[in-house]
C-alpha cells in the first residue's frame, strides 16, 4: 500500500505542475498571498502561463482514492517550488523541486515556458527510486488557450474546454479548463482535467491514473524566504593567537 502511495506521490509531479511536495506548508504567514491579490496578479501577468519567480511555491491540498474503493481516501499537502529561473534565449526555464510526501525524496522536473506555451522536461511516470525515462518531454500547454483548441503528440493529447469559475482554498478564479489524455509506452495513462490561470499556474486538477483518482486544489502560494548567509569569521594570520571566549579553568 505504501509503495503504491509513494509511486502516486511522484506521479503528481508530472501531472500537477504542468504538469508538470511534502507535509503541511512551512511558508511564513506573511509570504502567503491573499486570494484577491492572486487573482489580480493572474489577470495582469500574461507573459507566461506560470508564475516566474525563484523561490515561488504552489501548495496543493491533495486527495487520492482507489478506483475500486472510492471511500478509501488519503489527504495530504504537496508543495512544488521553483528552485531556479534560467533564461534560455526566448524561453524561460523553471527548475522545480517536488517534495515526495512518503519517501522524503525529491524529484526535479523542469518547466520550459516558450512563446507558444509550456513544456514539461525531465519528468517521470515511474516513481521514486525507479527508472526515469531519459529525455521525456511533454507538450503540456499551447497558446492561445482558446476554447476548442487542441494539440497532440506521442505522449499527450489535450483540448481546451473553455473558461470556468472555480473556487479552491486559495480563492476564486476564472480558470481555463484543459482536458488531457497522457500515455507512456502503453504502460501508463492519465485522463483528466486541469484548470489554469495564466500568470499563476494550475489552481485545480482532477485526473485518473491506474488504480487511483486524484484531486488537487491550490491552497496557498508564496515565496520561501532564503536563509541569511552566515557571517564569515576573519581569517587568522600565521602566528596570530586565537581569541579566547571563555574563562580559563583553574584546577
Protein backbone atom coordinates (compact mmCIF):
# COMPACT_ATOMS: atom_id res chain seq x y z
CA UNK A 1 0.00 0.00 0.00
CA UNK A 2 2.75 2.44 0.99
CA UNK A 3 4.69 1.64 -2.20
CA UNK A 4 1.63 2.48 -4.28
CA UNK A 5 1.23 5.78 -2.45
CA UNK A 6 4.90 6.59 -2.98
CA UNK A 7 4.51 5.97 -6.68
CA UNK A 8 1.41 8.12 -6.86
CA UNK A 9 3.11 10.95 -4.97
CA UNK A 10 5.88 11.06 -7.54
CA UNK A 11 3.42 10.85 -10.43
CA UNK A 12 1.81 14.01 -9.15
CA UNK A 13 4.99 15.87 -10.08
CA UNK A 14 4.23 15.49 -13.72
CA UNK A 15 0.52 15.99 -13.67
CA UNK A 16 0.22 18.70 -11.10
CA UNK A 17 2.72 21.04 -12.36
CA UNK A 18 2.26 21.06 -15.61
CA UNK A 19 2.20 19.42 -15.36
CA UNK A 20 4.48 19.00 -14.65
CA UNK A 21 5.79 18.23 -2.19
CA UNK A 22 5.60 17.15 1.44
CA UNK A 23 3.54 17.57 4.59
CA UNK A 24 1.94 20.86 5.61
CA UNK A 25 3.40 24.01 4.13
CA UNK A 26 6.12 25.79 6.07
CA UNK A 27 5.58 29.09 4.28
CA UNK A 28 5.74 32.07 6.60
CA UNK A 29 2.34 33.65 7.06
CA UNK A 30 3.44 36.99 5.62
CA UNK A 31 4.66 35.25 2.46
CA UNK A 32 1.23 33.94 1.55
CA UNK A 33 -0.69 35.98 -0.98
CA UNK A 34 -4.30 36.94 -0.41
CA UNK A 35 -6.69 35.27 -2.89
CA UNK A 36 -7.84 38.64 -4.27
CA UNK A 37 -4.24 39.66 -4.94
CA UNK A 38 -3.55 36.29 -6.54
CA UNK A 39 -6.46 36.73 -8.92
CA UNK A 40 -5.36 40.25 -9.82
CA UNK A 41 -1.79 39.13 -10.43
CA UNK A 42 -3.03 36.35 -12.66
CA UNK A 43 -5.06 38.81 -14.71
CA UNK A 44 -2.19 41.29 -15.03
CA UNK A 45 0.57 38.80 -15.82
CA UNK A 46 0.08 37.32 -19.27
CA UNK A 47 3.68 36.91 -20.42
CA UNK A 48 3.85 33.36 -19.08
CA UNK A 49 1.37 30.67 -18.18
CA UNK A 50 3.08 30.07 -14.83
CA UNK A 51 4.41 32.39 -12.16
CA UNK A 52 8.08 33.16 -12.81
CA UNK A 53 9.92 33.84 -9.55
CA UNK A 54 12.73 32.00 -7.82
CA UNK A 55 11.56 30.50 -4.54
CA UNK A 56 7.88 30.69 -5.51
CA UNK A 57 5.79 27.83 -4.12
CA UNK A 58 2.44 26.30 -5.00
CA UNK A 59 0.91 24.41 -2.07
CA UNK A 60 -1.82 21.96 -3.05
CA UNK A 61 -4.39 20.17 -0.92
CA UNK A 62 -4.43 16.70 -2.41
CA UNK A 63 -6.93 13.88 -2.17
CA UNK A 64 -6.43 10.43 -3.63
CA UNK A 65 -8.82 7.47 -3.64
CA UNK A 66 -8.71 3.98 -5.06
CA UNK A 67 -10.67 3.49 -8.27
CA UNK A 68 -12.16 0.25 -6.93
CA UNK A 69 -12.82 1.71 -3.47
CA UNK A 70 -13.60 5.47 -3.67
CA UNK A 71 -14.26 5.62 0.10
CA UNK A 72 -10.62 4.77 0.81
CA UNK A 73 -9.35 8.35 0.67
CA UNK A 74 -5.99 9.78 1.62
CA UNK A 75 -5.47 13.51 2.25
CA UNK A 76 -2.17 15.39 2.33
CA UNK A 77 -0.48 18.57 1.15
CA UNK A 78 2.08 18.73 -1.63
CA UNK A 79 4.42 21.60 -2.44
CA UNK A 80 6.04 22.49 -5.72
CA UNK A 81 8.81 25.09 -5.61
CA UNK A 82 10.81 26.97 -8.25
CA UNK A 83 14.42 26.40 -7.25
CA UNK A 84 15.92 28.39 -10.11
CA UNK A 85 14.83 30.51 -13.08
CA UNK A 86 17.01 30.25 -16.20
CA UNK A 87 16.66 32.35 -19.33
CA UNK A 88 17.44 30.26 -22.42
CA UNK A 89 17.06 32.52 -25.44
CA UNK A 90 13.36 33.25 -25.86
CA UNK A 91 12.47 30.51 -23.37
CA UNK A 92 12.23 30.74 -19.59
CA UNK A 93 13.04 27.52 -17.73
CA UNK A 94 11.73 26.92 -14.22
CA UNK A 95 13.85 24.33 -12.42
CA UNK A 96 11.39 22.82 -9.97
CA UNK A 97 11.59 20.82 -6.78
CA UNK A 98 8.83 18.45 -5.76
CA UNK A 99 8.92 17.07 -2.23
CA UNK A 100 7.91 13.41 -2.13
CA UNK A 101 5.49 13.13 0.78
CA UNK A 102 6.01 9.47 1.57
CA UNK A 103 9.67 8.73 0.97
CA UNK A 104 11.27 12.11 1.75
CA UNK A 105 12.96 12.01 -1.65
CA UNK A 106 12.97 14.76 -4.22
CA UNK A 107 12.15 14.95 -7.91
CA UNK A 108 13.44 17.79 -10.08
CA UNK A 109 11.35 18.28 -13.22
CA UNK A 110 11.68 21.43 -15.34
CA UNK A 111 9.00 23.59 -16.88
CA UNK A 112 10.04 25.31 -20.11
CA UNK A 113 7.90 28.36 -20.85
CA UNK A 114 8.03 29.25 -24.52
CA UNK A 115 6.25 31.88 -26.64
CA UNK A 116 3.84 29.14 -27.72
CA UNK A 117 3.10 27.50 -24.37
CA UNK A 118 4.68 25.23 -21.76
CA UNK A 119 6.75 22.05 -21.99
CA UNK A 120 7.45 19.60 -19.19
CA UNK A 121 11.02 18.27 -19.19
CA UNK A 122 12.86 15.68 -17.08
CA UNK A 123 9.58 14.21 -15.88
CA UNK A 124 8.93 10.65 -14.78
CA UNK A 125 5.89 8.42 -14.85
CA UNK A 126 7.54 5.72 -12.78
CA UNK A 127 8.11 6.95 -9.23
CA UNK A 128 10.82 7.45 -6.67
CA UNK A 129 13.74 5.05 -6.85
CA UNK A 130 12.60 3.57 -10.17
CA UNK A 131 13.74 4.03 -13.74
CA UNK A 132 13.45 7.54 -15.15
CA UNK A 133 12.74 7.86 -18.88
CA UNK A 134 15.64 9.81 -20.34
CA UNK A 135 14.75 12.95 -22.28
CA UNK A 136 11.00 12.63 -21.73
CA UNK A 137 9.26 15.85 -22.74
CA UNK A 138 5.56 16.66 -22.80
CA UNK A 139 3.93 19.37 -24.87
CA UNK A 140 1.67 20.32 -21.97
CA UNK A 141 0.06 23.62 -22.98
CA UNK A 142 -0.30 25.60 -26.20
CA UNK A 143 -1.03 29.28 -26.55
CA UNK A 144 -3.52 30.75 -27.06
CA UNK A 145 -5.77 28.73 -24.77
CA UNK A 146 -8.95 29.41 -26.71
CA UNK A 147 -11.99 27.18 -26.32
CA UNK A 148 -11.87 24.35 -28.84
CA UNK A 149 -8.10 24.48 -29.43
CA UNK A 150 -6.43 21.07 -29.37
CA UNK A 151 -2.97 19.60 -29.87
CA UNK A 152 -1.36 16.19 -29.61
CA UNK A 153 1.97 14.43 -29.61
CA UNK A 154 3.20 10.92 -28.93
CA UNK A 155 2.55 11.03 -25.18
CA UNK A 156 -0.03 13.81 -24.84
CA UNK A 157 -3.44 14.79 -26.22
CA UNK A 158 -5.14 17.96 -24.97
CA UNK A 159 -8.20 20.08 -25.70
CA UNK A 160 -9.28 23.44 -24.26
CA UNK A 161 -12.83 23.32 -22.90
CA UNK A 162 -13.15 27.00 -22.06
CA UNK A 163 -13.10 29.35 -19.06
CA UNK A 164 -14.83 28.38 -15.82
CA UNK A 165 -15.08 29.98 -12.38
CA UNK A 166 -13.54 27.66 -9.79
CA UNK A 167 -13.28 28.05 -6.03
CA UNK A 168 -10.37 26.46 -4.18
CA UNK A 169 -8.88 27.13 -0.72
CA UNK A 170 -6.63 29.82 -2.24
CA UNK A 171 -9.62 31.77 -3.61
CA UNK A 172 -11.97 32.03 -6.58
CA UNK A 173 -10.50 32.22 -10.08
CA UNK A 174 -11.59 32.47 -13.70
CA UNK A 175 -9.59 29.46 -14.91
CA UNK A 176 -9.14 27.83 -18.29
CA UNK A 177 -10.12 24.16 -18.28
CA UNK A 178 -7.91 21.83 -20.30
CA UNK A 179 -8.86 18.18 -20.84
CA UNK A 180 -5.91 15.81 -21.29
CA UNK A 181 -5.00 12.21 -22.05
CA UNK A 182 -1.42 11.24 -21.24
CA UNK A 183 0.27 7.93 -22.03
CA UNK A 184 3.73 6.44 -21.80
CA UNK A 185 4.75 3.39 -23.83
CA UNK A 186 1.24 1.96 -23.43
CA UNK A 187 2.12 1.22 -19.80
CA UNK A 188 0.69 4.28 -18.13
CA UNK A 189 -2.29 6.56 -18.66
CA UNK A 190 -3.53 9.83 -17.22
CA UNK A 191 -7.02 11.06 -18.07
CA UNK A 192 -8.41 14.21 -16.54
CA UNK A 193 -8.76 17.97 -16.41
CA UNK A 194 -6.58 20.90 -15.34
CA UNK A 195 -7.72 24.43 -14.55
CA UNK A 196 -5.09 27.02 -15.49
CA UNK A 197 -4.85 30.68 -14.53
CA UNK A 198 -2.32 32.37 -16.88
CA UNK A 199 0.37 34.12 -14.91
CA UNK A 200 -0.15 31.87 -11.88
CA UNK A 201 -0.37 28.24 -12.98
CA UNK A 202 -2.59 25.29 -12.10
CA UNK A 203 -5.25 26.06 -9.49
CA UNK A 204 -7.09 22.74 -9.71
CA UNK A 205 -6.61 19.29 -11.21
CA UNK A 206 -8.75 16.17 -11.36
CA UNK A 207 -7.48 13.08 -13.11
CA UNK A 208 -7.34 9.29 -13.02
CA UNK A 209 -4.18 7.22 -13.18
CA UNK A 210 -4.01 3.41 -12.94
CA UNK A 211 -5.86 2.37 -9.76
CA UNK A 212 -6.28 5.93 -8.40
CA UNK A 213 -8.45 9.03 -8.63
CA UNK A 214 -6.57 12.24 -7.81
CA UNK A 215 -7.87 15.70 -6.95
CA UNK A 216 -5.59 18.65 -6.22
CA UNK A 217 -6.65 22.17 -5.22
CA UNK A 218 -4.41 25.17 -4.74
CA UNK A 219 -4.31 26.01 -1.05
CA UNK A 220 -1.69 28.76 -0.85
CA UNK A 221 1.15 30.41 -2.71
CA UNK A 222 4.13 32.38 -1.56
CA UNK A 223 7.87 32.85 -1.74
CA UNK A 224 10.11 30.79 0.51
CA UNK A 225 12.49 33.14 2.26
CA UNK A 226 16.15 32.29 1.82
CA UNK A 227 18.15 31.83 4.99
CA UNK A 228 20.57 34.69 5.64
CA UNK A 229 24.19 33.65 4.94
CA UNK A 230 26.37 33.08 7.95
CA UNK A 231 28.82 35.82 8.80
CA UNK A 232 32.33 34.73 7.95
CA UNK A 233 34.93 34.78 10.68
CA UNK A 234 38.03 36.86 9.99
CA UNK A 235 40.99 34.80 8.83
CA UNK A 236 43.80 34.36 11.34
CA UNK A 237 47.31 35.03 10.13
CA UNK A 238 50.02 32.54 10.90
CA UNK A 239 51.25 33.05 14.44
CA UNK A 240 48.25 35.16 15.42
CA UNK A 241 46.73 33.95 18.72
CA UNK A 242 43.14 32.73 18.61
CA UNK A 243 40.89 34.92 20.81
CA UNK A 244 39.67 33.24 23.99
CA UNK A 245 35.91 33.43 24.51
CA UNK A 246 35.69 31.63 27.85
CA UNK A 247 37.39 31.90 31.20
CA UNK A 248 40.26 29.52 31.88
CA UNK A 249 39.63 26.70 34.31
CA UNK A 250 41.99 26.59 37.30
CA UNK A 251 42.49 23.13 38.63
